[in-house]
Amino acid sequence: MERILTSTVRPILQMQEFIEAVTFYHYLKSNVLESWINIQKEFVYNVGESTNEQDGAEIKAFDENKQEKECTPEESAIETSSEKSHITTLLIPSDYFLGIGDLTGELMRKCINNLGSGNIEGCYQTSAFVREIYKGFLSIGNVAKEMSRKVYTLRQSLNKMENACYTIHVRGSEIPKHMLADVLSSSHDDMMDEDEGFY
């Protein structure tokens, strides 16, 4: 039996922050964007009445004659499988996309931090990754006010990263690596961050 839990009052911001954290973790780990389907699988929970499952140990059971008999964990699992059910918490796709919008702000900070540590190639990779996310967001269109704010913030973050890559490409040879972040921050002081929260 499978049940899908939804609620009219959802902790929207917390879900978006969760998506941001999970996708940022997977980007740092393997340089990929974790898909909605894979994250949705994490919201499927197995529940059941039996709580005495043991791994690798033999489980003692009693037959109708009150005599003790030995059964393996596999046999016990077969006996209790009918009592188990699945609960699925629905991850709404719009929450996933809004969380990805928040992720791009973290990636922009990572790109600038890469410059501070002298990792110029990492800055180029992160910028290209965010550019692909931006292309995907453009294909979604303007579906909601909150989505348009995320796209606006995403465009600002991408502009900062592309300007950083441009500055490195043009002036990289004349600026020491340990000073790149300072030069970029001083040249972008006039570009203010758009608030990612609610107004």
N, C-alpha and C. Protein backbone atom coordinates (compact mmCIF):
# COMPACT_ATOMS: atom_id res chain seq x y z
N MET A 1 0.85 -1.18 0.00
CA MET A 1 0.00 0.00 0.00
C MET A 1 0.89 1.24 0.00
N GLU A 2 0.58 2.20 -0.84
CA GLU A 2 1.38 3.42 -0.91
C GLU A 2 0.47 4.62 -0.74
N ARG A 3 0.90 5.52 0.13
CA ARG A 3 0.14 6.74 0.36
C ARG A 3 1.01 7.93 -0.01
N ILE A 4 0.42 8.95 -0.58
CA ILE A 4 1.14 10.18 -0.90
C ILE A 4 0.62 11.27 0.01
N LEU A 5 1.55 11.86 0.78
CA LEU A 5 1.16 12.89 1.72
C LEU A 5 1.39 14.26 1.10
N THR A 6 0.38 15.06 1.08
CA THR A 6 0.50 16.46 0.67
C THR A 6 -0.19 17.31 1.71
N SER A 7 0.17 18.55 1.75
CA SER A 7 -0.43 19.46 2.72
C SER A 7 -0.63 20.81 2.06
N THR A 8 -1.72 21.48 2.43
CA THR A 8 -1.95 22.80 1.87
C THR A 8 -1.01 23.82 2.48
N VAL A 9 -0.58 23.59 3.71
CA VAL A 9 0.37 24.48 4.36
C VAL A 9 1.71 23.76 4.38
N ARG A 10 2.58 24.10 3.46
CA ARG A 10 3.87 23.42 3.34
C ARG A 10 4.98 24.35 3.76
N PRO A 11 6.02 23.81 4.37
CA PRO A 11 7.18 24.64 4.68
C PRO A 11 8.00 24.88 3.42
N ILE A 12 7.52 25.81 2.58
CA ILE A 12 8.09 26.00 1.24
C ILE A 12 9.56 26.39 1.31
N LEU A 13 9.86 27.38 2.12
CA LEU A 13 11.23 27.86 2.15
C LEU A 13 12.19 26.79 2.65
N GLN A 14 11.77 26.00 3.64
CA GLN A 14 12.64 24.96 4.15
C GLN A 14 12.91 23.90 3.08
N MET A 15 11.91 23.58 2.29
CA MET A 15 12.11 22.60 1.22
C MET A 15 13.08 23.14 0.17
N GLN A 16 12.95 24.42 -0.16
CA GLN A 16 13.88 25.01 -1.13
C GLN A 16 15.30 25.03 -0.59
N GLU A 17 15.45 25.33 0.70
CA GLU A 17 16.78 25.31 1.31
C GLU A 17 17.35 23.90 1.31
N PHE A 18 16.48 22.91 1.54
CA PHE A 18 16.93 21.51 1.51
C PHE A 18 17.41 21.14 0.11
N ILE A 19 16.64 21.53 -0.91
CA ILE A 19 17.04 21.25 -2.30
C ILE A 19 18.37 21.92 -2.61
N GLU A 20 18.52 23.16 -2.17
CA GLU A 20 19.78 23.88 -2.39
C GLU A 20 20.95 23.13 -1.76
N ALA A 21 20.77 22.66 -0.52
CA ALA A 21 21.85 21.97 0.18
C ALA A 21 22.19 20.64 -0.48
N VAL A 22 21.18 19.86 -0.85
CA VAL A 22 21.42 18.55 -1.45
C VAL A 22 22.09 18.68 -2.81
N THR A 23 21.60 19.59 -3.63
CA THR A 23 22.18 19.75 -4.96
C THR A 23 23.59 20.34 -4.89
N PHE A 24 23.84 21.22 -3.92
CA PHE A 24 25.19 21.77 -3.76
C PHE A 24 26.15 20.66 -3.32
N TYR A 25 25.69 19.78 -2.43
CA TYR A 25 26.51 18.65 -1.99
C TYR A 25 26.89 17.77 -3.18
N HIS A 26 25.90 17.44 -4.01
CA HIS A 26 26.17 16.56 -5.15
C HIS A 26 27.05 17.26 -6.19
N TYR A 27 26.92 18.58 -6.32
CA TYR A 27 27.81 19.28 -7.24
C TYR A 27 29.25 19.22 -6.73
N LEU A 28 29.45 19.47 -5.43
CA LEU A 28 30.80 19.41 -4.88
C LEU A 28 31.38 18.00 -4.97
N LYS A 29 30.52 17.01 -4.85
CA LYS A 29 30.97 15.62 -4.85
C LYS A 29 31.29 15.12 -6.25
N SER A 30 30.42 15.42 -7.23
CA SER A 30 30.60 14.81 -8.55
C SER A 30 30.36 15.74 -9.72
N ASN A 31 30.23 17.05 -9.48
CA ASN A 31 30.05 18.04 -10.55
C ASN A 31 28.83 17.77 -11.43
N VAL A 32 27.75 17.29 -10.82
CA VAL A 32 26.50 17.07 -11.55
C VAL A 32 25.36 17.73 -10.79
N LEU A 33 24.28 17.98 -11.52
CA LEU A 33 23.07 18.51 -10.90
C LEU A 33 22.15 17.34 -10.58
N GLU A 34 21.87 17.15 -9.30
CA GLU A 34 21.01 16.04 -8.88
C GLU A 34 19.60 16.26 -9.42
N SER A 35 19.02 15.23 -10.01
CA SER A 35 17.72 15.36 -10.66
C SER A 35 16.58 15.32 -9.64
N TRP A 36 15.43 15.83 -10.08
CA TRP A 36 14.23 15.80 -9.24
C TRP A 36 13.85 14.37 -8.89
N ILE A 37 13.98 13.46 -9.85
CA ILE A 37 13.58 12.06 -9.63
C ILE A 37 14.42 11.43 -8.53
N ASN A 38 15.73 11.65 -8.55
CA ASN A 38 16.59 11.06 -7.53
C ASN A 38 16.31 11.62 -6.15
N ILE A 39 16.03 12.92 -6.07
CA ILE A 39 15.71 13.50 -4.76
C ILE A 39 14.36 13.01 -4.29
N GLN A 40 13.40 12.85 -5.20
CA GLN A 40 12.07 12.35 -4.82
C GLN A 40 12.16 10.96 -4.20
N LYS A 41 13.11 10.14 -4.67
CA LYS A 41 13.27 8.79 -4.12
C LYS A 41 13.65 8.82 -2.64
N GLU A 42 14.29 9.90 -2.22
CA GLU A 42 14.68 10.02 -0.80
C GLU A 42 13.48 10.29 0.09
N PHE A 43 12.34 10.61 -0.49
CA PHE A 43 11.14 10.91 0.29
C PHE A 43 10.15 9.75 0.32
N VAL A 44 10.63 8.54 0.04
CA VAL A 44 9.81 7.34 0.15
C VAL A 44 10.25 6.60 1.40
N TYR A 45 9.31 6.39 2.31
CA TYR A 45 9.61 5.79 3.60
C TYR A 45 8.87 4.46 3.74
N ASN A 46 9.58 3.45 4.24
CA ASN A 46 8.97 2.15 4.53
C ASN A 46 8.52 2.14 5.98
N VAL A 47 7.26 1.83 6.19
CA VAL A 47 6.74 1.75 7.55
C VAL A 47 6.04 0.40 7.71
N GLY A 48 6.02 -0.09 8.94
CA GLY A 48 5.37 -1.36 9.22
C GLY A 48 5.18 -1.55 10.71
N GLU A 49 4.46 -2.59 11.07
CA GLU A 49 4.18 -2.84 12.48
C GLU A 49 5.31 -3.55 13.18
N SER A 50 6.11 -4.36 12.45
CA SER A 50 7.16 -5.10 13.13
C SER A 50 8.36 -4.21 13.37
N THR A 51 8.93 -4.31 14.56
CA THR A 51 10.08 -3.49 14.92
C THR A 51 11.25 -4.33 15.38
N ASN A 52 11.15 -5.66 15.24
CA ASN A 52 12.20 -6.53 15.78
C ASN A 52 13.04 -7.17 14.69
N GLU A 53 13.25 -6.48 13.58
CA GLU A 53 14.08 -7.02 12.51
C GLU A 53 15.54 -6.92 12.90
N GLN A 54 16.29 -8.00 12.66
CA GLN A 54 17.70 -8.03 12.99
C GLN A 54 18.45 -8.48 11.75
N ASP A 55 19.60 -7.85 11.51
CA ASP A 55 20.41 -8.18 10.34
C ASP A 55 21.36 -9.31 10.68
N GLY A 56 21.33 -10.40 9.88
CA GLY A 56 22.31 -11.45 9.99
C GLY A 56 22.10 -12.41 11.15
N ALA A 57 21.16 -12.22 12.01
CA ALA A 57 20.93 -13.09 13.17
C ALA A 57 19.70 -13.94 12.92
N GLU A 58 19.71 -15.11 13.50
CA GLU A 58 18.54 -15.96 13.39
C GLU A 58 17.47 -15.47 14.36
N ILE A 59 16.23 -15.50 13.90
CA ILE A 59 15.12 -15.02 14.71
C ILE A 59 14.33 -16.22 15.20
N LYS A 60 14.03 -16.24 16.47
CA LYS A 60 13.28 -17.34 17.05
C LYS A 60 11.80 -17.04 16.95
N ALA A 61 11.05 -18.03 16.52
CA ALA A 61 9.61 -17.89 16.43
C ALA A 61 8.95 -19.11 17.06
N PHE A 62 7.71 -18.97 17.37
CA PHE A 62 6.97 -20.06 17.99
C PHE A 62 5.89 -20.53 17.03
N ASP A 63 5.79 -21.85 16.89
CA ASP A 63 4.72 -22.38 16.06
C ASP A 63 3.46 -22.57 16.90
N GLU A 64 2.45 -23.15 16.29
CA GLU A 64 1.17 -23.29 16.98
C GLU A 64 1.27 -24.20 18.20
N ASN A 65 2.21 -25.13 18.24
CA ASN A 65 2.36 -26.07 19.35
C ASN A 65 3.24 -25.50 20.46
N LYS A 66 3.54 -24.20 20.41
CA LYS A 66 4.38 -23.53 21.40
C LYS A 66 5.80 -24.06 21.41
N GLN A 67 6.21 -24.72 20.36
CA GLN A 67 7.56 -25.22 20.28
C GLN A 67 8.41 -24.19 19.55
N GLU A 68 9.62 -24.04 20.06
CA GLU A 68 10.51 -23.05 19.49
C GLU A 68 11.10 -23.60 18.20
N LYS A 69 11.14 -22.78 17.16
CA LYS A 69 11.78 -23.19 15.92
C LYS A 69 12.64 -22.04 15.42
N GLU A 70 13.63 -22.39 14.63
CA GLU A 70 14.55 -21.39 14.09
C GLU A 70 14.09 -20.99 12.70
N CYS A 71 14.12 -19.69 12.43
CA CYS A 71 13.84 -19.23 11.07
C CYS A 71 14.84 -18.15 10.71
N THR A 72 15.16 -18.06 9.45
CA THR A 72 16.15 -17.10 8.99
C THR A 72 15.50 -15.72 8.88
N PRO A 73 16.32 -14.66 8.82
CA PRO A 73 15.76 -13.31 8.65
C PRO A 73 14.95 -13.18 7.37
N GLU A 74 15.33 -13.92 6.29
CA GLU A 74 14.58 -13.84 5.05
C GLU A 74 13.17 -14.38 5.23
N GLU A 75 13.06 -15.50 5.95
CA GLU A 75 11.74 -16.06 6.19
C GLU A 75 10.89 -15.13 7.05
N SER A 76 11.54 -14.52 8.04
CA SER A 76 10.81 -13.58 8.89
C SER A 76 10.34 -12.37 8.10
N ALA A 77 11.18 -11.91 7.17
CA ALA A 77 10.81 -10.76 6.35
C ALA A 77 9.62 -11.09 5.46
N ILE A 78 9.58 -12.34 4.97
CA ILE A 78 8.45 -12.75 4.14
C ILE A 78 7.17 -12.75 4.96
N GLU A 79 7.27 -13.18 6.21
CA GLU A 79 6.08 -13.24 7.04
C GLU A 79 5.55 -11.86 7.38
N THR A 80 6.44 -10.89 7.51
CA THR A 80 6.00 -9.55 7.92
C THR A 80 5.86 -8.58 6.76
N SER A 81 6.15 -9.03 5.53
CA SER A 81 6.10 -8.09 4.40
C SER A 81 4.70 -7.57 4.15
N SER A 82 3.69 -8.37 4.48
CA SER A 82 2.32 -7.92 4.24
C SER A 82 1.93 -6.77 5.16
N GLU A 83 2.65 -6.62 6.28
CA GLU A 83 2.32 -5.57 7.22
C GLU A 83 2.98 -4.24 6.86
N LYS A 84 3.92 -4.26 5.93
CA LYS A 84 4.66 -3.04 5.61
C LYS A 84 3.92 -2.22 4.56
N SER A 85 4.14 -0.93 4.60
CA SER A 85 3.58 -0.04 3.59
C SER A 85 4.59 1.06 3.30
N HIS A 86 4.33 1.82 2.27
CA HIS A 86 5.21 2.90 1.87
C HIS A 86 4.48 4.22 2.01
N ILE A 87 5.18 5.20 2.52
CA ILE A 87 4.65 6.56 2.57
C ILE A 87 5.56 7.43 1.71
N THR A 88 4.97 8.15 0.78
CA THR A 88 5.73 9.03 -0.10
C THR A 88 5.33 10.47 0.16
N THR A 89 6.31 11.29 0.46
CA THR A 89 6.08 12.73 0.57
C THR A 89 6.39 13.34 -0.79
N LEU A 90 5.44 14.04 -1.34
CA LEU A 90 5.60 14.58 -2.69
C LEU A 90 6.51 15.80 -2.69
N LEU A 91 7.54 15.74 -3.51
CA LEU A 91 8.41 16.89 -3.74
C LEU A 91 7.86 17.62 -4.97
N ILE A 92 7.27 18.77 -4.73
CA ILE A 92 6.63 19.52 -5.82
C ILE A 92 7.71 20.07 -6.75
N PRO A 93 7.57 19.85 -8.06
CA PRO A 93 8.61 20.30 -9.00
C PRO A 93 8.95 21.78 -8.89
N SER A 94 7.96 22.63 -8.61
CA SER A 94 8.26 24.06 -8.51
C SER A 94 9.21 24.33 -7.34
N ASP A 95 9.07 23.59 -6.23
CA ASP A 95 10.00 23.74 -5.11
C ASP A 95 11.41 23.33 -5.52
N TYR A 96 11.49 22.28 -6.35
CA TYR A 96 12.80 21.84 -6.84
C TYR A 96 13.46 22.94 -7.67
N PHE A 97 12.70 23.53 -8.59
CA PHE A 97 13.27 24.58 -9.45
C PHE A 97 13.67 25.81 -8.64
N LEU A 98 12.86 26.18 -7.66
CA LEU A 98 13.20 27.34 -6.84
C LEU A 98 14.43 27.06 -5.99
N GLY A 99 14.58 25.82 -5.54
CA GLY A 99 15.79 25.44 -4.81
C GLY A 99 17.03 25.50 -5.69
N ILE A 100 16.87 25.11 -6.96
CA ILE A 100 17.99 25.21 -7.91
C ILE A 100 18.35 26.68 -8.14
N GLY A 101 17.33 27.54 -8.16
CA GLY A 101 17.61 28.98 -8.28
C GLY A 101 18.46 29.48 -7.12
N ASP A 102 18.18 28.99 -5.90
CA ASP A 102 19.00 29.37 -4.75
C ASP A 102 20.41 28.79 -4.86
N LEU A 103 20.51 27.59 -5.44
CA LEU A 103 21.82 26.94 -5.60
C LEU A 103 22.78 27.81 -6.40
N THR A 104 22.28 28.52 -7.39
CA THR A 104 23.18 29.30 -8.25
C THR A 104 23.87 30.41 -7.48
N GLY A 105 23.23 30.93 -6.43
CA GLY A 105 23.91 31.93 -5.60
C GLY A 105 25.11 31.33 -4.88
N GLU A 106 24.94 30.09 -4.38
CA GLU A 106 26.07 29.41 -3.74
C GLU A 106 27.18 29.11 -4.74
N LEU A 107 26.79 28.75 -5.96
CA LEU A 107 27.80 28.47 -6.97
C LEU A 107 28.56 29.73 -7.37
N MET A 108 27.87 30.87 -7.37
CA MET A 108 28.56 32.13 -7.66
C MET A 108 29.60 32.42 -6.58
N ARG A 109 29.23 32.21 -5.31
CA ARG A 109 30.20 32.42 -4.23
C ARG A 109 31.36 31.44 -4.33
N LYS A 110 31.06 30.20 -4.74
CA LYS A 110 32.13 29.22 -4.91
C LYS A 110 33.09 29.65 -6.02
N CYS A 111 32.54 30.18 -7.10
CA CYS A 111 33.36 30.65 -8.21
C CYS A 111 34.33 31.74 -7.76
N ILE A 112 33.81 32.72 -7.02
CA ILE A 112 34.66 33.81 -6.54
C ILE A 112 35.68 33.30 -5.53
N ASN A 113 35.27 32.36 -4.67
CA ASN A 113 36.21 31.79 -3.70
C ASN A 113 37.30 30.99 -4.39
N ASN A 114 36.97 30.36 -5.53
CA ASN A 114 38.00 29.65 -6.29
C ASN A 114 39.09 30.61 -6.75
N LEU A 115 38.69 31.82 -7.10
CA LEU A 115 39.69 32.81 -7.51
C LEU A 115 40.61 33.16 -6.35
N GLY A 116 40.02 33.30 -5.15
CA GLY A 116 40.84 33.64 -3.98
C GLY A 116 41.88 32.58 -3.68
N SER A 117 41.55 31.33 -3.99
CA SER A 117 42.51 30.24 -3.74
C SER A 117 43.37 29.94 -4.96
N GLY A 118 43.18 30.68 -6.04
CA GLY A 118 43.99 30.49 -7.24
C GLY A 118 43.50 29.39 -8.16
N ASN A 119 42.31 28.85 -7.91
CA ASN A 119 41.75 27.78 -8.74
C ASN A 119 40.96 28.40 -9.90
N ILE A 120 41.67 28.84 -10.92
CA ILE A 120 41.04 29.54 -12.04
C ILE A 120 40.20 28.58 -12.87
N GLU A 121 40.68 27.36 -13.08
CA GLU A 121 39.93 26.38 -13.86
C GLU A 121 38.59 26.06 -13.20
N GLY A 122 38.57 26.00 -11.87
CA GLY A 122 37.32 25.76 -11.15
C GLY A 122 36.32 26.88 -11.37
N CYS A 123 36.81 28.11 -11.49
CA CYS A 123 35.93 29.25 -11.76
C CYS A 123 35.28 29.11 -13.13
N TYR A 124 36.06 28.72 -14.14
CA TYR A 124 35.51 28.51 -15.49
C TYR A 124 34.47 27.39 -15.50
N GLN A 125 34.76 26.29 -14.80
CA GLN A 125 33.83 25.15 -14.77
C GLN A 125 32.52 25.53 -14.11
N THR A 126 32.60 26.24 -12.98
CA THR A 126 31.38 26.63 -12.27
C THR A 126 30.56 27.59 -13.11
N SER A 127 31.22 28.52 -13.79
CA SER A 127 30.51 29.47 -14.64
C SER A 127 29.78 28.75 -15.77
N ALA A 128 30.43 27.78 -16.40
CA ALA A 128 29.80 27.03 -17.48
C ALA A 128 28.61 26.21 -16.96
N PHE A 129 28.74 25.66 -15.75
CA PHE A 129 27.66 24.88 -15.14
C PHE A 129 26.44 25.76 -14.89
N VAL A 130 26.65 26.95 -14.34
CA VAL A 130 25.54 27.86 -14.07
C VAL A 130 24.93 28.37 -15.37
N ARG A 131 25.73 28.52 -16.41
CA ARG A 131 25.20 28.94 -17.70
C ARG A 131 24.21 27.90 -18.24
N GLU A 132 24.53 26.62 -18.06
CA GLU A 132 23.61 25.56 -18.50
C GLU A 132 22.32 25.58 -17.68
N ILE A 133 22.42 25.86 -16.38
CA ILE A 133 21.22 25.97 -15.55
C ILE A 133 20.36 27.14 -16.03
N TYR A 134 21.01 28.25 -16.36
CA TYR A 134 20.28 29.43 -16.83
C TYR A 134 19.53 29.12 -18.13
N LYS A 135 20.16 28.39 -19.04
CA LYS A 135 19.48 27.99 -20.28
C LYS A 135 18.23 27.18 -19.97
N GLY A 136 18.35 26.28 -19.00
CA GLY A 136 17.20 25.47 -18.61
C GLY A 136 16.08 26.32 -18.03
N PHE A 137 16.43 27.31 -17.22
CA PHE A 137 15.41 28.18 -16.63
C PHE A 137 14.72 29.02 -17.70
N LEU A 138 15.43 29.42 -18.73
CA LEU A 138 14.80 30.19 -19.81
C LEU A 138 13.75 29.37 -20.54
N SER A 139 13.95 28.05 -20.60
CA SER A 139 12.96 27.21 -21.28
C SER A 139 11.70 27.01 -20.45
N ILE A 140 11.79 27.23 -19.13
CA ILE A 140 10.61 27.10 -18.28
C ILE A 140 9.64 28.25 -18.53
N GLY A 141 10.17 29.43 -18.68
CA GLY A 141 9.33 30.61 -18.88
C GLY A 141 8.93 31.25 -17.57
N ASN A 142 8.14 32.30 -17.68
CA ASN A 142 7.71 33.07 -16.51
C ASN A 142 6.41 32.47 -15.98
N VAL A 143 6.53 31.47 -15.11
CA VAL A 143 5.34 30.76 -14.63
C VAL A 143 4.80 31.33 -13.33
N ALA A 144 5.61 32.08 -12.60
CA ALA A 144 5.15 32.66 -11.33
C ALA A 144 6.05 33.83 -10.97
N LYS A 145 5.54 34.70 -10.09
CA LYS A 145 6.32 35.87 -9.68
C LYS A 145 7.61 35.45 -8.99
N GLU A 146 7.51 34.43 -8.13
CA GLU A 146 8.70 33.99 -7.41
C GLU A 146 9.73 33.40 -8.36
N MET A 147 9.28 32.69 -9.39
CA MET A 147 10.20 32.12 -10.37
C MET A 147 10.91 33.21 -11.14
N SER A 148 10.20 34.28 -11.49
CA SER A 148 10.85 35.37 -12.23
C SER A 148 11.91 36.05 -11.38
N ARG A 149 11.69 36.15 -10.07
CA ARG A 149 12.71 36.72 -9.18
C ARG A 149 13.95 35.83 -9.13
N LYS A 150 13.73 34.52 -9.11
CA LYS A 150 14.87 33.59 -9.08
C LYS A 150 15.67 33.69 -10.38
N VAL A 151 14.97 33.81 -11.51
CA VAL A 151 15.66 33.92 -12.79
C VAL A 151 16.45 35.22 -12.85
N TYR A 152 15.88 36.30 -12.30
CA TYR A 152 16.58 37.59 -12.27
C TYR A 152 17.86 37.47 -11.44
N THR A 153 17.75 36.84 -10.27
CA THR A 153 18.92 36.65 -9.40
C THR A 153 19.93 35.74 -10.07
N LEU A 154 19.44 34.70 -10.74
CA LEU A 154 20.33 33.79 -11.46
C LEU A 154 21.10 34.52 -12.54
N ARG A 155 20.42 35.40 -13.27
CA ARG A 155 21.10 36.16 -14.32
C ARG A 155 22.18 37.07 -13.73
N GLN A 156 21.88 37.70 -12.58
CA GLN A 156 22.89 38.54 -11.92
C GLN A 156 24.11 37.72 -11.51
N SER A 157 23.86 36.54 -10.91
CA SER A 157 24.97 35.69 -10.49
C SER A 157 25.80 35.25 -11.68
N LEU A 158 25.13 34.88 -12.76
CA LEU A 158 25.85 34.46 -13.96
C LEU A 158 26.66 35.61 -14.55
N ASN A 159 26.11 36.82 -14.55
CA ASN A 159 26.86 37.98 -15.05
C ASN A 159 28.13 38.20 -14.24
N LYS A 160 28.04 38.05 -12.92
CA LYS A 160 29.23 38.23 -12.08
C LYS A 160 30.28 37.18 -12.41
N MET A 161 29.84 35.93 -12.60
CA MET A 161 30.80 34.88 -12.91
C MET A 161 31.42 35.08 -14.29
N GLU A 162 30.61 35.46 -15.27
CA GLU A 162 31.15 35.67 -16.61
C GLU A 162 32.08 36.87 -16.64
N ASN A 163 31.76 37.93 -15.89
CA ASN A 163 32.67 39.07 -15.80
C ASN A 163 33.98 38.67 -15.14
N ALA A 164 33.89 37.79 -14.13
CA ALA A 164 35.11 37.31 -13.48
C ALA A 164 35.96 36.52 -14.47
N CYS A 165 35.32 35.64 -15.24
CA CYS A 165 36.06 34.85 -16.23
C CYS A 165 36.66 35.75 -17.32
N TYR A 166 35.90 36.77 -17.72
CA TYR A 166 36.40 37.71 -18.72
C TYR A 166 37.62 38.46 -18.19
N THR A 167 37.52 38.93 -16.95
CA THR A 167 38.64 39.66 -16.34
C THR A 167 39.88 38.78 -16.24
N ILE A 168 39.67 37.52 -15.87
CA ILE A 168 40.80 36.59 -15.78
C ILE A 168 41.43 36.40 -17.16
N HIS A 169 40.59 36.24 -18.17
CA HIS A 169 41.10 35.98 -19.52
C HIS A 169 41.86 37.18 -20.07
N VAL A 170 41.34 38.39 -19.80
CA VAL A 170 41.96 39.59 -20.37
C VAL A 170 43.13 40.07 -19.53
N ARG A 171 42.93 40.11 -18.20
CA ARG A 171 43.95 40.71 -17.34
C ARG A 171 44.65 39.70 -16.44
N GLY A 172 44.38 38.41 -16.65
CA GLY A 172 44.91 37.39 -15.74
C GLY A 172 46.42 37.36 -15.67
N SER A 173 47.08 37.64 -16.77
CA SER A 173 48.54 37.56 -16.78
C SER A 173 49.20 38.69 -16.00
N GLU A 174 48.50 39.82 -15.84
CA GLU A 174 49.11 40.96 -15.14
C GLU A 174 48.71 41.05 -13.67
N ILE A 175 47.78 40.18 -13.22
CA ILE A 175 47.35 40.21 -11.83
C ILE A 175 47.81 38.93 -11.14
N PRO A 176 48.50 39.03 -10.01
CA PRO A 176 48.88 37.82 -9.27
C PRO A 176 47.64 37.04 -8.85
N LYS A 177 47.77 35.71 -8.81
CA LYS A 177 46.61 34.86 -8.52
C LYS A 177 45.98 35.17 -7.17
N HIS A 178 46.82 35.49 -6.18
CA HIS A 178 46.27 35.73 -4.84
C HIS A 178 45.52 37.06 -4.75
N MET A 179 45.60 37.91 -5.79
CA MET A 179 44.91 39.20 -5.77
C MET A 179 43.71 39.25 -6.70
N LEU A 180 43.41 38.16 -7.40
CA LEU A 180 42.31 38.16 -8.36
C LEU A 180 40.97 38.45 -7.69
N ALA A 181 40.72 37.82 -6.55
CA ALA A 181 39.43 38.01 -5.87
C ALA A 181 39.26 39.45 -5.42
N ASP A 182 40.34 40.09 -4.95
CA ASP A 182 40.26 41.49 -4.52
C ASP A 182 39.95 42.42 -5.69
N VAL A 183 40.59 42.18 -6.82
CA VAL A 183 40.36 43.02 -7.99
C VAL A 183 38.92 42.88 -8.47
N LEU A 184 38.41 41.65 -8.49
CA LEU A 184 37.04 41.42 -8.95
C LEU A 184 36.02 42.00 -7.99
N SER A 185 36.25 41.88 -6.69
CA SER A 185 35.28 42.41 -5.73
C SER A 185 35.24 43.93 -5.79
N SER A 186 36.37 44.57 -6.02
CA SER A 186 36.37 46.03 -6.10
C SER A 186 35.72 46.53 -7.38
N SER A 187 35.80 45.73 -8.45
CA SER A 187 35.20 46.17 -9.72
C SER A 187 33.71 45.87 -9.80
N HIS A 188 33.18 45.07 -8.85
CA HIS A 188 31.76 44.72 -8.88
C HIS A 188 31.01 45.22 -7.66
N ASP A 189 31.54 46.23 -6.99
CA ASP A 189 30.85 46.75 -5.81
C ASP A 189 29.51 47.38 -6.15
N ASP A 190 29.38 47.88 -7.37
CA ASP A 190 28.13 48.54 -7.74
C ASP A 190 27.02 47.55 -8.06
N MET A 191 27.35 46.28 -8.20
CA MET A 191 26.33 45.28 -8.50
C MET A 191 25.83 44.69 -7.19
N MET A 192 24.61 45.02 -6.81
CA MET A 192 24.04 44.58 -5.54
C MET A 192 23.29 43.28 -5.74
N ASP A 193 23.35 42.41 -4.72
CA ASP A 193 22.62 41.14 -4.77
C ASP A 193 21.14 41.38 -4.64
N GLU A 194 20.37 40.67 -5.44
CA GLU A 194 18.92 40.67 -5.28
C GLU A 194 18.57 39.73 -4.14
N ASP A 195 17.68 40.17 -3.27
CA ASP A 195 17.28 39.35 -2.14
C ASP A 195 16.55 38.12 -2.65
N GLU A 196 16.99 36.91 -2.18
CA GLU A 196 16.36 35.68 -2.62
C GLU A 196 15.11 35.36 -1.84
N GLY A 197 14.85 36.07 -0.77
CA GLY A 197 13.68 35.79 0.05
C GLY A 197 12.45 36.54 -0.44
N PHE A 198 11.44 36.57 0.41
CA PHE A 198 10.21 37.27 0.08
C PHE A 198 10.33 38.74 0.43
N TYR A 199 9.65 39.59 -0.32
CA TYR A 199 9.65 41.03 -0.03
C TYR A 199 8.51 41.35 0.91
